[in-house]
Structure formats: structure tokens, C-alpha cells
Protein backbone atom coordinates (compact mmCIF):
# COMPACT_ATOMS: atom_id res chain seq x y z
CA MET A 1 132.15 106.91 -171.57
CA GLU A 2 132.34 110.68 -171.25
CA GLU A 3 130.18 111.06 -174.32
CA PHE A 4 127.59 108.69 -172.82
CA LEU A 5 127.56 110.68 -169.57
CA THR A 6 127.25 113.86 -171.55
CA LEU A 7 124.21 112.46 -173.33
CA LEU A 8 122.66 111.35 -170.04
CA LYS A 9 123.26 114.67 -168.26
CA PRO A 10 120.10 116.36 -169.62
CA TRP A 11 118.13 113.30 -168.51
CA GLN A 12 119.62 113.33 -165.04
CA SER A 13 116.62 114.94 -163.35
CA SER A 14 114.20 112.62 -165.12
CA ILE A 15 116.18 109.52 -164.17
CA LEU A 16 116.58 110.65 -160.54
CA ALA A 17 112.84 111.30 -160.28
CA LEU A 18 112.07 107.82 -161.63
CA LEU A 19 114.62 106.25 -159.27
CA GLY A 20 113.23 108.28 -156.37
CA PHE A 21 109.69 107.02 -156.96
CA THR A 22 111.04 103.48 -157.40
CA ILE A 23 112.78 103.70 -154.02
CA VAL A 24 109.62 105.13 -152.44
CA ARG A 25 107.59 102.25 -153.90
CA TYR A 26 110.10 99.75 -152.52
CA LEU A 27 110.05 101.37 -149.09
CA TYR A 28 106.27 101.49 -149.23
CA LYS A 29 105.96 97.77 -149.91
CA LYS A 30 108.74 96.57 -147.60
CA VAL A 31 108.83 99.08 -144.74
CA ILE A 32 105.89 101.48 -144.62
CA LEU A 33 103.24 98.77 -145.01
CA ASN A 34 104.79 96.68 -142.22
CA ILE A 35 104.88 99.70 -139.92
CA LEU A 36 101.27 100.55 -140.72
CA ARG A 37 100.18 96.94 -140.12
CA LYS A 38 101.82 96.92 -136.71
CA ALA A 39 100.18 100.25 -135.94
CA THR A 40 96.75 98.86 -136.84
CA GLU A 41 97.16 96.16 -134.19
CA LEU A 42 97.41 98.86 -131.53
CA SER A 43 94.75 101.12 -133.00
CA PRO A 44 91.22 101.05 -131.48
CA PHE A 45 89.74 101.75 -134.91
CA SER A 46 88.35 98.46 -136.18
CA TYR A 47 88.42 99.25 -139.90
CA ASP A 48 92.02 100.44 -140.36
CA GLU A 49 93.48 97.08 -141.38
CA ASP A 50 90.71 96.47 -143.91
CA ILE A 51 91.20 99.94 -145.39
CA LEU A 52 94.93 99.31 -145.60
CA ASP A 53 94.39 96.04 -147.46
CA ALA A 54 91.92 97.67 -149.84
CA PHE A 55 94.23 100.54 -150.84
CA GLU A 56 97.54 98.63 -150.82
CA HIS A 57 97.71 97.90 -154.55
CA PRO A 58 96.04 101.15 -155.75
CA ILE A 59 98.63 103.24 -153.87
CA ASN A 60 101.43 101.13 -155.32
CA VAL A 61 100.11 101.70 -158.86
CA MET A 62 99.62 105.41 -158.16
CA LEU A 63 103.27 105.74 -157.08
CA PHE A 64 104.35 104.05 -160.29
CA ILE A 65 102.23 106.42 -162.40
CA GLY A 66 103.57 109.37 -160.41
CA GLY A 67 107.14 108.29 -161.19
CA ILE A 68 106.41 108.04 -164.91
CA TYR A 69 104.65 111.42 -164.88
CA SER A 70 107.55 113.14 -163.07
CA ALA A 71 110.11 111.55 -165.37
CA ILE A 72 108.27 112.79 -168.48
CA ASN A 73 107.86 116.32 -167.10
CA LEU A 74 111.57 116.56 -166.19
CA ALA A 75 112.78 115.01 -169.40
CA PRO A 76 114.60 117.32 -171.89
CA ILE A 77 111.71 117.25 -174.31
CA SER A 78 109.02 119.78 -175.10
CA THR A 79 105.87 118.92 -173.16
CA ASP A 80 103.91 122.08 -173.89
CA TYR A 81 101.71 120.25 -176.38
CA TRP A 82 101.33 117.24 -174.12
CA ALA A 83 101.01 119.05 -170.78
CA ALA A 84 97.21 119.17 -170.70
CA PHE A 85 96.99 115.60 -171.88
CA LEU A 86 99.45 114.37 -169.26
CA ASP A 87 97.64 116.28 -166.51
CA ARG A 88 94.37 114.63 -167.48
CA VAL A 89 96.04 111.23 -167.55
CA LEU A 90 97.48 111.82 -164.08
CA ARG A 91 94.17 113.02 -162.63
CA SER A 92 92.31 110.15 -164.27
CA ALA A 93 94.84 107.67 -162.87
CA ILE A 94 94.43 109.12 -159.36
CA VAL A 95 90.64 108.90 -159.67
CA LEU A 96 90.85 105.31 -160.92
CA CYS A 97 93.17 104.31 -158.08
CA PHE A 98 90.87 105.93 -155.51
CA PHE A 99 87.77 104.18 -156.83
CA TRP A 100 89.78 100.97 -157.12
CA GLY A 101 90.42 101.12 -153.39
CA CYS A 102 86.74 101.89 -152.71
CA TYR A 103 85.79 98.97 -154.94
CA ASN A 104 88.03 96.69 -152.90
CA MET A 105 86.50 97.97 -149.66
CA SER A 106 83.02 97.12 -150.92
CA ASP A 107 84.09 93.53 -151.50
CA THR A 108 83.09 91.13 -148.74
CA THR A 109 86.59 89.62 -148.64
CA HIS A 110 88.03 92.81 -147.09
CA GLY A 111 85.59 92.71 -144.21
CA VAL A 112 84.69 96.41 -144.10
CA LEU A 113 81.22 95.85 -145.56
CA LEU A 114 80.51 93.01 -143.14
CA LYS A 115 81.41 95.15 -140.13
CA VAL A 116 79.34 98.08 -141.38
CA LEU A 117 76.34 95.77 -141.84
CA GLU A 118 76.80 94.41 -138.31
CA ARG A 119 76.93 97.95 -136.91
CA ALA A 120 73.68 98.67 -138.79
CA GLY A 121 72.04 95.70 -137.08
CA ILE A 122 72.13 93.43 -140.14
CA ARG A 123 73.59 90.03 -139.53
CA SER A 124 76.70 89.45 -141.67
CA GLU A 125 75.43 86.54 -143.67
CA GLU A 126 77.13 85.69 -146.93
CA ALA A 127 73.96 86.06 -148.99
CA VAL A 128 73.01 89.43 -147.46
CA SER A 129 76.51 90.89 -147.68
CA ASN A 130 76.86 89.76 -151.29
CA ILE A 131 73.69 91.62 -152.24
CA PHE A 132 74.89 94.84 -150.61
CA SER A 133 78.36 94.35 -152.09
CA THR A 134 76.98 93.98 -155.63
CA ILE A 135 74.86 97.12 -155.34
CA LEU A 136 77.68 99.18 -153.84
CA ARG A 137 80.26 98.04 -156.39
CA LEU A 138 77.91 98.87 -159.24
CA LEU A 139 77.46 102.39 -157.87
CA ILE A 140 81.23 102.81 -157.49
CA VAL A 141 81.83 101.78 -161.11
CA ILE A 142 79.21 104.26 -162.34
CA LEU A 143 80.67 107.09 -160.23
CA CYS A 144 84.17 106.28 -161.44
CA PHE A 145 83.08 106.36 -165.08
CA VAL A 146 81.25 109.67 -164.63
CA THR A 147 84.22 111.27 -162.81
CA VAL A 148 86.79 110.18 -165.41
CA ALA A 149 84.50 111.30 -168.24
CA LYS A 150 84.19 114.70 -166.59
CA GLU A 151 87.99 115.00 -166.39
CA TRP A 152 88.14 114.56 -170.16
CA ASN A 153 85.41 117.20 -170.65
CA TYR A 154 82.82 114.76 -171.92
CA ASP A 155 79.22 115.85 -171.58
CA ILE A 156 77.66 113.30 -169.26
CA SER A 157 74.17 114.78 -169.35
CA GLY A 158 73.40 112.74 -172.46
CA PHE A 159 74.77 109.65 -170.75
CA VAL A 160 72.63 110.27 -167.66
CA ALA A 161 69.55 110.83 -169.83
CA SER A 162 70.22 107.70 -171.85
CA LEU A 163 70.85 105.85 -168.63
CA GLY A 164 67.44 106.93 -167.35
CA ILE A 165 65.68 105.92 -170.57
CA GLY A 166 67.58 102.65 -170.68
CA SER A 167 66.71 101.96 -167.06
CA LEU A 168 63.06 102.59 -167.83
CA ALA A 169 63.18 100.18 -170.75
CA VAL A 170 64.96 97.57 -168.66
CA ALA A 171 62.43 98.05 -165.86
CA PHE A 172 59.54 97.31 -168.23
CA ALA A 173 61.33 94.35 -169.79
CA ALA A 174 62.43 92.81 -166.51
CA LYS A 175 59.74 93.91 -164.08
CA ASP A 176 59.52 90.43 -162.54
CA ALA A 177 63.26 90.33 -161.97
CA LEU A 178 63.20 93.83 -160.45
CA ALA A 179 60.30 92.78 -158.23
CA ASN A 180 62.48 89.97 -156.92
CA VAL A 181 65.35 92.41 -156.32
CA PHE A 182 63.13 94.76 -154.32
CA GLY A 183 61.71 91.73 -152.54
CA SER A 184 65.22 90.73 -151.50
CA LEU A 185 65.81 94.26 -150.16
CA VAL A 186 62.58 94.03 -148.15
CA ILE A 187 63.72 90.70 -146.72
CA ILE A 188 67.09 92.20 -145.79
CA LEU A 189 65.58 95.23 -144.07
CA ASP A 190 62.74 93.43 -142.27
CA LYS A 191 64.90 90.39 -141.42
CA PRO A 192 62.02 87.87 -141.10
CA PHE A 193 64.55 85.03 -141.27
CA GLN A 194 68.24 84.30 -141.59
CA VAL A 195 70.29 81.57 -143.19
CA GLY A 196 70.01 78.36 -141.17
CA GLU A 197 66.59 79.09 -139.64
CA TRP A 198 63.48 76.91 -139.90
CA VAL A 199 60.62 78.73 -141.63
CA LEU A 200 57.26 78.15 -143.28
CA ALA A 201 56.79 80.45 -146.28
CA ASN A 202 54.51 80.33 -149.30
CA GLY A 203 53.33 76.85 -148.32
CA TYR A 204 56.86 75.39 -148.06
CA GLU A 205 58.57 74.43 -144.81
CA GLY A 206 62.30 73.94 -144.39
CA ILE A 207 65.68 75.41 -143.53
CA VAL A 208 66.87 78.59 -145.26
CA GLU A 209 70.08 77.80 -147.16
CA LYS A 210 70.76 81.02 -149.08
CA VAL A 211 69.25 84.33 -150.16
CA THR A 212 70.06 85.77 -153.59
CA PHE A 213 68.78 88.68 -155.67
CA ARG A 214 66.17 86.50 -157.33
CA SER A 215 65.07 83.89 -154.82
CA THR A 216 65.42 82.30 -151.42
CA CYS A 217 66.49 78.66 -151.26
CA LEU A 218 64.80 76.37 -148.73
CA ARG A 219 65.91 72.83 -147.89
CA THR A 220 62.73 70.95 -147.00
CA PHE A 221 62.76 68.13 -144.48
CA PRO A 222 62.54 65.48 -147.28
CA HIS A 223 65.83 67.16 -148.42
CA GLU A 224 64.31 68.83 -151.46
CA LEU A 225 65.57 72.24 -152.62
CA VAL A 226 62.83 74.82 -153.15
CA TYR A 227 63.61 78.19 -154.76
CA ILE A 228 60.95 80.75 -153.84
CA PRO A 229 61.00 84.12 -155.69
CA ASN A 230 61.64 86.97 -153.29
CA SER A 231 58.70 88.91 -154.72
CA LEU A 232 56.41 86.21 -153.35
CA LEU A 233 58.13 86.10 -149.96
CA SER A 234 57.79 89.86 -149.51
CA ASN A 235 53.99 89.57 -149.92
CA THR A 236 53.21 86.36 -148.06
CA PRO A 237 53.03 85.44 -144.35
CA ILE A 238 56.22 83.87 -143.03
CA ILE A 239 56.35 81.70 -139.91
CA ASN A 240 59.81 81.55 -138.32
CA TYR A 241 59.92 78.51 -136.06
CA SER A 242 63.55 79.01 -135.06
CA ARG A 243 62.82 82.26 -133.20
CA ARG A 244 60.35 80.75 -130.77
CA GLU A 245 61.50 81.36 -127.23
CA LYS A 246 59.12 78.73 -125.91
CA ARG A 247 56.95 75.99 -127.37
CA ARG A 248 53.44 74.99 -126.27
CA ILE A 249 52.68 71.51 -124.94
CA ASP A 250 48.94 70.82 -125.08
CA PHE A 251 47.30 67.40 -124.98
CA LEU A 252 44.38 65.42 -123.55
CA LEU A 253 44.98 62.58 -121.11
CA GLY A 254 41.97 60.23 -121.20
CA LEU A 255 41.28 58.03 -118.16
CA THR A 256 38.83 55.16 -118.03
CA TYR A 257 35.29 55.70 -116.75
CA GLY A 258 36.12 53.43 -113.84
CA THR A 259 38.24 56.23 -112.34
CA THR A 260 36.80 57.48 -109.03
CA HIS A 261 36.45 61.06 -107.89
CA ASP A 262 39.33 60.78 -105.42
CA GLN A 263 41.61 59.15 -107.99
CA MET A 264 40.84 61.84 -110.54
CA LEU A 265 41.63 64.59 -108.04
CA GLU A 266 44.86 62.87 -106.95
CA VAL A 267 46.06 62.45 -110.54
CA ILE A 268 45.40 66.13 -111.31
CA GLN A 269 47.24 67.31 -108.21
CA LYS A 270 50.26 65.07 -108.82
CA ILE A 271 50.53 66.08 -112.48
CA GLN A 272 50.30 69.77 -111.52
CA ALA A 273 53.01 69.41 -108.88
CA TYR A 274 55.24 67.40 -111.21
CA LEU A 275 55.06 69.93 -114.05
CA GLU A 276 55.66 72.90 -111.76
CA ALA A 277 58.87 71.26 -110.53
CA GLN A 278 60.40 70.91 -114.01
CA GLU A 279 63.27 73.32 -114.76
CA ASP A 280 62.82 73.19 -118.54
CA LEU A 281 59.16 74.29 -118.35
CA HIS A 282 57.64 77.69 -117.69
CA THR A 283 56.04 76.98 -114.34
CA ASP A 284 53.92 80.14 -114.25
CA ASP A 285 51.47 78.91 -116.90
CA VAL A 286 51.08 75.21 -116.10
CA ARG A 287 47.41 74.20 -116.39
CA VAL A 288 45.95 70.76 -115.49
CA HIS A 289 42.13 70.44 -115.47
CA PHE A 290 39.43 67.79 -115.69
CA PHE A 291 38.29 69.00 -119.08
CA GLN A 292 35.34 66.94 -120.28
CA TYR A 293 33.44 63.67 -120.32
CA GLY A 294 34.59 62.14 -123.57
CA ALA A 295 32.89 59.46 -125.62
CA SER A 296 34.96 56.73 -124.01
CA SER A 297 37.19 58.52 -121.49
CA LEU A 298 37.41 61.11 -118.74
CA ASP A 299 39.64 63.75 -120.34
CA ILE A 300 42.27 65.73 -118.44
CA ARG A 301 43.70 68.66 -120.38
CA VAL A 302 47.39 69.40 -119.76
CA THR A 303 48.84 72.73 -120.97
CA CYS A 304 52.33 74.13 -120.42
CA HIS A 305 55.26 75.65 -122.32
CA ALA A 306 58.75 74.26 -122.83
CA LYS A 307 61.72 76.61 -122.51
CA THR A 308 63.00 75.91 -126.00
CA GLY A 309 62.20 76.41 -129.66
CA GLU A 310 64.41 73.58 -130.90
CA SER A 311 62.52 70.60 -132.23
CA LEU A 312 64.81 67.86 -130.90
CA ARG A 313 64.95 69.26 -127.40
CA TYR A 314 61.19 69.81 -127.47
CA LEU A 315 60.61 66.15 -128.40
CA ASP A 316 62.93 65.03 -125.59
CA ILE A 317 60.96 67.11 -123.07
CA VAL A 318 57.60 65.77 -124.28
CA GLN A 319 58.88 62.19 -124.16
CA ARG A 320 60.12 62.57 -120.59
CA ILE A 321 56.81 64.11 -119.50
CA ASN A 322 54.82 61.28 -121.08
CA LEU A 323 56.94 58.62 -119.39
CA ASP A 324 56.66 60.32 -116.02
CA LEU A 325 52.89 60.68 -116.38
CA MET A 326 52.69 56.92 -116.93
CA LYS A 327 54.42 56.44 -113.56
CA ILE A 328 51.97 58.82 -111.87
CA MET A 329 48.98 56.91 -113.25
CA GLU A 330 50.50 53.60 -112.11
CA GLN A 331 51.02 55.00 -108.62
CA VAL A 332 47.41 56.20 -108.34
CA GLY A 333 46.03 52.99 -109.87
CA VAL A 334 44.30 54.42 -112.94
CA SER A 335 44.78 53.66 -116.61
CA CYS A 336 44.29 55.33 -119.95
CA ALA A 337 41.08 54.71 -121.85
CA PHE A 338 40.86 53.54 -125.41
CA PRO A 339 38.01 54.05 -127.90
CA SER A 340 35.20 51.60 -127.27
CA THR A 341 31.52 51.19 -128.18
CA SER A 342 28.73 49.68 -126.04
CA ILE A 343 25.77 47.97 -127.80
CA TYR A 344 22.40 47.58 -126.06
CA PHE A 345 19.57 45.35 -127.34
CA GLU A 346 15.92 46.29 -126.78
CA THR A 347 14.88 42.58 -126.60
CA PRO A 348 16.96 39.89 -124.93
CA LEU A 349 18.67 37.35 -127.15
CA LYS A 350 17.38 33.76 -127.12
CA ASN A 351 19.37 31.27 -125.12
CA GLU A 352 19.39 28.72 -127.88
CA LEU A 353 22.61 28.66 -129.83
CA ILE A 354 22.31 29.02 -133.53
CA ASN A 355 23.73 26.09 -135.43
CA THR A 356 26.32 27.62 -137.67
CA LYS A 357 26.11 24.69 -140.05
CA ASP A 358 22.60 25.78 -141.07
CA LEU A 359 23.89 29.19 -142.12
CA PHE A 360 25.76 27.85 -145.11
CA THR A 361 24.48 26.31 -148.31
CA PRO A 362 25.93 22.99 -149.54
CA GLU A 363 28.01 24.85 -152.10
CA GLN A 364 29.48 27.14 -149.46
CA LYS A 365 30.30 24.18 -147.21
CA VAL A 366 32.41 22.68 -149.95
């Protein structure tokens, strides 16, 4: 036993350092993290919990690497030859852990990116946040590679130059795909529509289901899926029906030519008063006028705006107005006209009735 302790005595510092880091790792996972999580609940900073989640595992790994590094440096072995190598390994590990945490923060599951996008005025949709997350994570990976390569004294100028030439070649080979990527960025920045909105774009009308790097998916009203390349959407007019604050109601009400002057005036006044009393209409722009003498009707033009952009509510409002206008016409004693044609003969018809039997040949009678 004494011989074993004698052999371990030179390794005492190394073992204690490894045990010390092991205890610190245990306290970090079981005590420090719990204290920090409780502190984040009281903190006014809205990103602290997300940052803590993102760096939880990288810090744990960094403590483990620190324990191994300390144990090797304190071990009774010659590390003069390995000192520079171990220092580079330690610095590279710290860099990797740092960028690992940044990589986690750029993921949408940690919530930091979503909150940053909301602060920037960009709605935190899944499709939009995924696009930003992919771009940001790609940049983090490139920066991490360049930083680690620099720690090992690699010349990155050649890599940067080759990266530029390769990017140029890729740009020529995939110009359509890159056009769609830039189109998606234009859509994100301009925000002409969002997921769930009703739009008309590039000749297709439907509900936006998702936005990706390449295309935007629309669900048409016949329940067909249409994938429109973002490069086309960025260069075509887009009508967003969901963002209408009000919707126009404009129609002609045709009365029969038997309607008198007084009846026409009474109908117009009652319709005007009725529409101005409706709470779901903009009463400042209600217009009711005797518009024209139609081919078979006296046309009253009714124009107003409903206080909604939703299709179902708009249809309910129009239906109620039509039913109430029927009551108004019944009260006044007028009726709607229907298309009709009057035929006038220059010479009067003979009074004798034509015998229809003489109009058919014997074969036709059979």
C-alpha cells in the first residue's frame, strides 16, 4: 500500500486538478445552473434564459477539457515538447465551445433568433426564422473554421481566395437557385405577405402555407398546392386580400319602369338611412343614387364599405343588406325588374287565326 501511495505521490497534483474540475462540473450542472435559472426568472433581460440554454453544454465540455489540460500539465512528465501543441488544442477547444454556443443561439429552438427578429419588426414565422437561422449558422461555421485554422497557423488567404472562386462558379451554375434565395430575402424584408394570409400572386390565388429558400407555397381554394419560385414573386405584383381594413360593396338595384317618382325618392331615402345606421359599415362614404335608365329597369347604384376584410364576414354583411333591402322595397310597394324585350309590329296582325294543321305536311303529321 505504501509503495502504491509512493507511486501516486508525484501524480497527486494532477489527480487533484482533475478531481477539482470534476467537482466544479458537478456543481455547475446541479447547483450553479439551477441558481442561474432562478435568477433569469427575476431578470428583466429577456434573452438570458435562451443564452443559458445555448451555452449549457459547451461550458460543460469546456470544463472537462480544462480538467484534462490541467491534469496533463501537472503530471510528472515532460511537456516541453507538447506544450505548444497542448496550448493550441486548449485554445481551439475554447473557440469551438464558444462557436458551439453561438450556433445553438442561432437555432430557432432556443428562441433568441425569434425574439431578435420580432424586435427588428419581422414577424416570427417558422419559414422566415428558418431562413435567417440557416444563413446565420452557415456564417458561424465558416468563422469557426477560419478561427481554428488561424490558431494552427494555417494560411487562410488561399482558402478565402478559393472560396471566392468557388462561390463565383457556384453562382454561375446555380444562378436560378440564387435568384430564388435573393427573392426570398426580398420577400422577408418587404413583408408583402405572411403565412396564413390570402394573396393573389403570379396569377394564383390562395392561402400562403410556407416560405422557403426556393419557393412560396400557396394553397388554392380548390385545395391545390402551388409552389411559386421566389424570384418570380419578387418581380410580380402581389395582392394581399387579408390586409384589407375595409371591403367595398357596390351593386345596382334595378326597379321596374312602373315605379313612380315619389316611390323612387322614398326608396333612395330609406336605403340611405338604413345603411348609415349600420355599425359594421363605414357610414361616412355611403352613396345611394338613381344612376341610370337601364334597358329594362330604373337602376339605383348603392356604394358603401364594410368594416372587415374577412370573406365570410363580408358575405354575411352583404346577405343581411340584401334581405333588408327586400323589406324596404316591399314597404314602399316597388319590385325589382328583370330583363325583358318589347316587340312592336309596323302593321297590325290579322284577326283570323292560322290553322296550325295546315302548317305541317302529311309526313310531319304522322
